[in-house]
Protein backbone atom coordinates (compact mmCIF):
# COMPACT_ATOMS: atom_id res chain seq x y z
CA MET A 1 19.32 10.49 -7.68
CA ILE A 2 17.66 7.50 -9.14
CA VAL A 3 14.11 6.20 -8.49
CA VAL A 4 13.51 2.87 -10.09
CA GLY A 5 9.54 2.20 -10.07
CA GLY A 6 7.05 4.58 -11.23
CA GLY A 7 4.10 3.61 -9.02
CA PRO A 8 2.77 6.01 -6.39
CA ILE A 9 5.39 5.23 -3.57
CA GLY A 10 8.34 5.90 -6.52
CA ILE A 11 6.56 8.93 -7.65
CA ALA A 12 6.17 10.18 -4.10
CA THR A 13 9.89 9.53 -3.46
CA ALA A 14 10.79 11.52 -6.77
CA ILE A 15 8.76 14.56 -5.63
CA GLU A 16 10.11 14.36 -2.13
CA ALA A 17 13.80 14.52 -3.56
CA ARG A 18 12.91 17.49 -5.81
CA MET A 19 11.50 19.34 -2.74
CA ARG A 20 14.51 18.90 -0.98
CA GLY A 21 16.80 20.07 -3.95
CA LEU A 22 17.82 17.15 -5.67
CA THR A 23 17.47 16.14 -8.97
CA ALA A 24 15.37 12.97 -9.60
CA THR A 25 14.74 10.35 -12.64
CA ILE A 26 11.94 7.64 -12.48
CA VAL A 27 12.91 4.21 -14.09
CA GLU A 28 9.75 2.52 -15.13
CA PRO A 29 8.94 0.32 -18.33
CA ARG A 30 4.86 0.49 -17.63
CA PRO A 31 3.27 3.42 -19.29
CA SER A 32 1.39 6.28 -16.61
CA ALA A 33 -1.55 5.36 -14.65
CA ILE A 34 -0.22 1.75 -13.74
CA ASP A 35 -3.19 0.09 -11.85
CA LYS A 36 -2.80 -2.90 -9.56
CA ALA A 37 -5.06 -4.92 -7.07
CA CYS A 38 -5.60 -3.00 -3.96
CA GLY A 39 -7.70 -1.45 -1.20
CA GLU A 40 -7.84 2.00 -2.50
CA GLY A 41 -8.75 3.17 0.88
CA LEU A 42 -6.39 6.16 1.99
CA MET A 43 -6.04 6.22 5.84
CA PRO A 44 -6.20 9.33 7.67
CA GLY A 45 -2.58 9.92 7.88
CA ALA A 46 -2.06 9.99 4.58
CA ILE A 47 -3.97 12.73 3.30
CA PRO A 48 -1.63 15.31 5.13
CA ALA A 49 1.41 13.33 4.00
CA LEU A 50 0.11 13.94 0.39
CA GLU A 51 -1.14 17.59 0.92
CA ARG A 52 2.57 18.14 1.90
CA LEU A 53 3.86 17.01 -1.64
CA GLY A 54 1.28 18.98 -2.97
CA VAL A 55 -0.89 16.49 -4.24
CA ASP A 56 -4.61 16.25 -3.23
CA PRO A 57 -6.48 13.65 -5.40
CA PRO A 58 -10.39 13.38 -5.58
CA GLY A 59 -12.18 10.86 -4.09
CA PHE A 60 -14.68 9.48 -1.36
CA ALA A 61 -14.56 10.81 2.15
CA LEU A 62 -14.40 7.68 4.45
CA ARG A 63 -15.12 8.30 8.29
CA GLY A 64 -14.03 4.83 9.73
CA VAL A 65 -14.12 0.91 9.50
CA SER A 66 -16.80 -1.53 9.99
CA TYR A 67 -15.70 -5.22 11.01
CA ARG A 68 -18.41 -7.59 9.98
CA SER A 69 -18.94 -11.42 10.71
CA ALA A 70 -21.91 -13.78 10.34
CA SER A 71 -23.36 -12.56 13.54
CA ARG A 72 -21.55 -9.57 14.83
CA GLN A 73 -20.38 -5.85 13.46
CA VAL A 74 -18.61 -3.41 15.21
CA ASP A 75 -17.95 0.26 13.64
CA HIS A 76 -15.19 2.91 14.68
CA LEU A 77 -14.82 6.47 13.40
CA PHE A 78 -11.27 7.56 12.53
CA ARG A 79 -10.13 9.80 15.71
CA ASP A 80 -7.92 12.11 13.56
CA GLY A 81 -10.24 12.92 10.71
CA PRO A 82 -11.73 11.28 7.57
CA GLY A 83 -9.36 9.04 5.06
CA ARG A 84 -10.74 8.94 1.34
CA GLY A 85 -11.51 6.22 -1.17
CA VAL A 86 -9.52 7.07 -4.27
CA ARG A 87 -8.96 4.82 -7.24
CA ARG A 88 -5.26 3.90 -7.88
CA THR A 89 -5.07 5.32 -11.20
CA THR A 90 -6.53 8.80 -9.98
CA LEU A 91 -4.00 8.76 -7.37
CA HIS A 92 -1.05 7.62 -9.61
CA ALA A 93 -2.12 10.53 -12.10
CA ALA A 94 -2.22 13.29 -9.21
CA LEU A 95 1.17 12.29 -8.26
CA GLU A 96 2.49 11.78 -11.93
CA THR A 97 1.05 15.53 -12.47
CA ARG A 98 2.58 17.35 -9.31
CA ALA A 99 6.29 15.25 -10.25
CA LYS A 100 6.19 17.02 -13.70
CA GLU A 101 5.57 20.30 -12.24
CA LEU A 102 8.95 19.67 -10.27
CA GLY A 103 10.85 18.38 -13.29
CA VAL A 104 11.15 14.81 -12.37
CA GLY A 105 12.60 13.02 -15.35
CA ARG A 106 11.44 9.67 -16.68
CA ILE A 107 13.33 7.00 -18.49
CA SER A 108 11.01 4.00 -19.81
CA THR A 109 12.59 0.86 -19.75
CA ARG A 110 13.52 -2.03 -17.37
CA VAL A 111 16.37 -2.68 -14.86
CA ASP A 112 18.04 -6.01 -15.58
CA ALA A 113 21.71 -5.24 -13.91
CA LEU A 114 23.02 -3.00 -11.01
CA ARG A 115 26.75 -1.67 -10.70
CA GLN A 116 27.61 0.50 -7.55
CA SER A 117 30.76 2.27 -6.59
CA PRO A 118 31.69 4.46 -3.74
CA GLU A 119 30.49 7.36 -5.51
CA SER A 120 27.44 6.54 -7.79
CA VAL A 121 25.07 3.78 -8.63
CA THR A 122 24.24 2.72 -12.57
CA VAL A 123 21.23 1.32 -13.46
CA ALA A 124 19.67 1.04 -17.32
CA GLY A 125 22.66 3.45 -18.55
CA LEU A 126 21.84 5.95 -16.02
CA SER A 127 24.03 6.80 -12.95
CA GLY A 128 23.21 8.55 -10.09
CA ARG A 129 24.67 9.61 -6.66
CA TYR A 130 22.00 7.40 -5.05
CA LEU A 131 19.22 4.87 -6.06
CA VAL A 132 16.12 4.27 -4.21
CA ALA A 133 14.03 1.06 -5.43
CA ALA A 134 10.19 1.51 -5.24
CA ASP A 135 9.40 -1.45 -7.66
CA GLY A 136 7.09 -3.00 -5.77
CA LEU A 137 6.57 -6.68 -4.04
CA HIS A 138 8.63 -8.65 -6.50
CA SER A 139 11.50 -5.92 -6.65
CA THR A 140 14.10 -6.69 -9.08
CA VAL A 141 16.62 -3.77 -7.50
CA ARG A 142 15.88 -6.02 -4.03
CA ARG A 143 17.41 -9.35 -5.80
CA LEU A 144 20.14 -7.63 -7.46
CA ALA A 145 21.36 -5.56 -4.71
CA GLY A 146 21.41 -9.10 -2.51
CA LEU A 147 18.88 -7.93 -0.34
CA GLU A 148 16.67 -10.62 -0.87
CA ARG A 149 15.15 -12.98 2.03
CA ARG A 150 13.08 -15.95 1.23
CA PRO A 151 9.49 -15.02 2.75
CA ALA A 152 8.42 -17.44 5.36
CA GLY A 153 5.17 -17.69 7.19
CA ILE A 154 1.37 -17.51 5.57
CA ARG A 155 1.39 -17.12 1.65
CA ARG A 156 -1.93 -14.63 1.35
CA PHE A 157 -2.94 -13.17 -1.89
CA GLY A 158 -5.28 -10.17 -3.13
CA LEU A 159 -7.88 -9.78 -5.75
CA ARG A 160 -9.69 -6.76 -6.80
CA ARG A 161 -12.70 -5.44 -8.98
CA HIS A 162 -14.85 -2.28 -9.16
CA TYR A 163 -18.70 -2.44 -9.05
CA VAL A 164 -21.11 0.64 -10.38
CA MET A 165 -23.15 0.89 -7.24
CA GLU A 166 -23.78 3.76 -4.69
CA PRO A 167 -21.98 2.93 -1.09
CA ARG A 168 -24.25 2.12 1.76
CA SER A 169 -22.42 4.20 4.06
CA ASP A 170 -18.99 6.17 4.27
CA LEU A 171 -16.97 3.30 6.36
CA ILE A 172 -14.89 0.81 4.93
CA GLU A 173 -16.75 -2.18 5.02
CA VAL A 174 -14.61 -5.35 6.39
CA TYR A 175 -16.60 -8.65 6.09
CA TRP A 176 -14.56 -11.92 7.91
CA THR A 177 -15.58 -15.13 6.62
CA LYS A 178 -13.86 -18.47 7.47
CA ASP A 179 -10.79 -18.34 5.42
CA VAL A 180 -10.86 -14.63 3.88
CA GLU A 181 -11.58 -11.00 4.29
CA VAL A 182 -13.55 -8.85 1.90
CA TYR A 183 -13.42 -5.29 2.13
CA LEU A 184 -15.79 -2.62 0.21
CA THR A 185 -14.20 0.73 -0.29
CA PRO A 186 -16.25 3.70 -2.09
CA VAL A 187 -13.98 5.40 -4.17
CA GLY A 188 -16.65 8.07 -5.64
CA GLY A 189 -18.47 8.45 -8.53
CA GLY A 190 -21.13 5.61 -7.87
CA ILE A 191 -18.23 3.01 -7.77
CA VAL A 192 -17.11 0.78 -4.87
CA GLY A 193 -13.96 -1.32 -4.97
CA ILE A 194 -14.02 -4.76 -3.38
CA ALA A 195 -10.80 -6.77 -2.63
CA VAL A 196 -10.97 -10.01 -1.48
CA LEU A 197 -7.91 -11.20 0.77
CA GLY A 198 -7.03 -14.93 1.32
CA PRO A 199 -5.05 -17.95 0.71
CA ALA A 200 -3.88 -18.82 -3.27
CA ARG A 201 -6.75 -19.82 -5.57
CA THR A 202 -9.49 -17.90 -3.77
CA ASP A 203 -12.37 -17.69 -5.48
CA PHE A 204 -13.29 -14.03 -6.20
CA ASP A 205 -17.13 -14.54 -7.35
CA GLY A 206 -17.60 -17.48 -4.96
CA THR A 207 -16.37 -15.59 -2.00
CA LEU A 208 -18.73 -12.71 -2.61
CA ALA A 209 -21.81 -14.97 -3.37
CA ALA A 210 -21.09 -17.19 -0.09
CA ILE A 211 -21.82 -13.83 1.88
CA PRO A 212 -25.83 -13.30 2.02
CA GLU A 213 -25.55 -9.55 2.46
CA LEU A 214 -22.81 -8.88 -0.64
CA ARG A 215 -24.80 -11.67 -2.61
CA GLU A 216 -27.94 -9.58 -2.29
CA ARG A 217 -26.32 -6.05 -2.82
CA LEU A 218 -24.25 -7.21 -5.89
CA ALA A 219 -27.39 -8.79 -7.88
CA GLY A 220 -27.63 -7.25 -11.18
CA ARG A 221 -24.43 -4.86 -10.63
CA MET A 222 -22.15 -4.05 -13.50
CA PRO A 223 -18.35 -4.62 -13.23
CA ALA A 224 -16.34 -1.40 -13.38
CA SER A 225 -12.84 -3.06 -13.95
CA GLU A 226 -11.45 -5.96 -14.65
CA LEU A 227 -10.59 -8.56 -11.88
CA ARG A 228 -6.97 -7.87 -10.94
CA GLY A 229 -4.67 -10.17 -8.30
CA ALA A 230 -1.42 -9.45 -6.41
CA GLY A 231 0.68 -11.30 -3.94
CA PRO A 232 2.21 -13.22 -2.43
CA PHE A 233 1.96 -10.09 0.10
CA ARG A 234 4.77 -11.51 2.82
CA GLN A 235 8.36 -9.96 1.50
CA ARG A 236 11.11 -10.20 3.44
CA THR A 237 14.43 -8.17 3.33
CA THR A 238 17.86 -8.84 4.90
CA ALA A 239 18.56 -5.04 4.92
CA ARG A 240 16.86 -2.07 3.55
CA VAL A 241 20.14 -0.38 2.59
CA THR A 242 23.15 -1.36 1.03
CA GLY A 243 25.82 1.53 0.04
CA ARG A 244 24.39 3.87 -1.99
CA VAL A 245 20.89 1.74 -2.78
CA LEU A 246 17.88 2.38 -0.64
CA LEU A 247 14.51 0.16 -0.83
CA VAL A 248 11.00 2.07 0.24
CA GLY A 249 7.33 0.59 0.09
CA ASP A 250 6.76 -2.87 -0.81
CA ALA A 251 10.03 -3.37 -2.08
CA ALA A 252 11.59 -2.88 1.31
CA GLY A 253 9.75 -5.82 2.66
CA TYR A 254 5.81 -6.16 3.57
CA VAL A 255 3.43 -7.94 5.77
CA ASP A 256 0.18 -7.87 4.55
CA ALA A 257 -2.61 -5.81 3.21
CA ILE A 258 -4.82 -6.79 5.88
CA THR A 259 -4.84 -3.43 7.75
CA GLY A 260 -5.08 -1.40 4.28
CA GLU A 261 -2.36 1.06 4.93
CA GLY A 262 0.64 0.29 2.56
CA ILE A 263 0.20 4.18 1.33
CA ARG A 264 0.54 6.08 4.51
CA VAL A 265 3.37 3.70 5.36
CA GLY A 266 4.95 3.79 1.88
CA LEU A 267 4.99 7.66 1.96
CA ALA A 268 6.68 7.78 5.31
CA GLN A 269 9.33 5.57 4.12
CA ALA A 270 9.56 7.93 0.89
CA ARG A 271 10.11 10.76 3.56
CA ALA A 272 12.71 9.16 5.49
CA ALA A 273 14.52 7.97 3.04
CA ILE A 274 15.08 11.58 1.41
CA ASP A 275 15.73 12.97 4.80
CA CYS A 276 18.97 10.26 4.89
CA LEU A 277 20.19 11.13 1.59
CA VAL A 278 19.71 14.99 1.75
CA ALA A 279 22.11 14.41 4.98
CA ASP A 280 24.62 12.35 3.15
CA ASP A 281 23.85 9.70 5.45
CA PRO A 282 22.15 6.64 3.61
CA GLY A 283 23.23 4.34 6.31
CA GLY A 284 20.69 6.12 8.48
CA TYR A 285 17.83 4.71 6.74
CA GLU A 286 17.78 1.73 8.49
CA GLY A 287 17.03 2.80 12.12
CA ALA A 288 14.77 5.51 10.25
CA TRP A 289 13.06 3.03 8.12
CA SER A 290 12.73 0.72 11.71
CA THR A 291 11.09 3.60 13.30
CA ALA A 292 8.60 4.58 10.60
CA THR A 293 7.16 1.03 9.73
CA ARG A 294 6.99 -0.66 13.30
CA ASP A 295 3.44 -0.16 14.13
CA PHE A 296 2.31 -1.15 10.97
CA ARG A 297 4.95 -4.20 11.31
CA MET A 298 3.95 -5.21 14.83
CA LEU A 299 0.40 -4.76 14.33
CA THR A 300 -0.19 -6.32 10.88
CA ALA A 301 1.57 -9.45 11.74
CA GLY A 302 -0.17 -9.61 15.15
CA LEU A 303 -3.66 -9.22 12.94
CA VAL A 304 -2.47 -11.72 10.38
CA ALA A 305 -1.22 -14.50 12.74
CA ALA A 306 -4.60 -14.23 14.70
CA SER A 307 -6.77 -14.39 11.40
CA ALA A 308 -4.36 -17.75 10.89
CA SER A 309 -5.16 -19.41 14.07
CA PRO A 310 -8.29 -20.70 15.84
CA LEU A 311 -8.65 -17.76 16.96
CA ARG A 312 -9.73 -16.07 13.67
CA GLY A 313 -13.62 -16.94 14.45
CA ALA A 314 -13.55 -14.96 17.42
CA ILE A 315 -11.82 -11.56 15.98
CA VAL A 316 -15.21 -9.51 15.43
CA PRO A 317 -17.06 -10.56 18.53
CA VAL A 318 -13.90 -9.85 20.86
CA ALA A 319 -13.68 -6.44 18.82
CA ALA A 320 -17.59 -5.83 19.32
CA VAL A 321 -17.14 -6.58 23.20
CA LEU A 322 -13.92 -4.31 23.39
CA PRO A 323 -14.77 -1.50 21.16
CA GLY A 324 -12.15 0.74 22.53
CA VAL A 325 -9.33 -1.58 22.42
CA PHE A 326 -10.45 -2.08 18.40
CA GLY A 327 -10.55 1.28 17.96
CA ALA A 328 -7.01 2.06 19.64
CA ILE A 329 -5.67 -0.32 17.23
CA VAL A 330 -7.47 0.94 14.41
CA ASP A 331 -6.34 4.76 15.28
CA ARG A 332 -2.59 3.56 16.14
CA LEU A 333 -2.46 2.22 12.43
CA ALA A 334 -4.58 4.70 10.49
CA ARG A 335 -2.41 8.02 12.12
């Protein structure tokens, strides 16, 4: 099989394939250790999913989540054990090492055309029995396969930079302001990643400076990485499989990064895709994808809708008043 996309989910898909006895080659034009703007917090459910693949990246243990507004705060500790803050590049390197151990091939080139027959798929001069596209939010394969659908709804973007600072706690801190959410995720080694999610043209530095607590904590702190951006997050597809082409991860459609569980959901999709290919039932992936992503899609879409409505200012206060409900939602997404 061919995997287009050499990010974490693409590599995880290739590892799944090799563990199930399939040959796998990754097609990716970029060099190793691809970095991008993301929250870098692995939810508790992602840890055993990675361990099953033989991957255990170092990082910072995260016991839960803290939602904060100007007047309220609500904390919840993960019910099923800790998550982990891991630099994107560290996770990528760990997955890549495991893929090499298993004999995953790699071709450094771009995909600009796709040809499919009843028996095979061909891209970049390479033919395989199946192709799994894991080439991200702006997937080329999704477009070439005719599976792209015009996005609808709110256009939101993400910005991320790391700072040299010791974490104040072992919680992911999420600050809710009038228009954006700010995530602080410790990733180990005295480094904290800060991600800002909001509308287009959000001012990263201005957003942090407008939150008194963060302005004070970041005074004099040195950035540990360049500012990176991603988005728009909302991506839709007409289907997740056509013939011998399957979409996984962000390429299969994405709602938003507001819940911070993209890696966990992507790993579940990778496993479901390979289960179907081993059974020689690519069409079965449509239902398997729907099952693997249902909670994420429904709960994330609901939270995004609430955050864009007049209810936004009530999200943290209501969570503080109903901590049991807040905790149940967090645990449902994190498992």
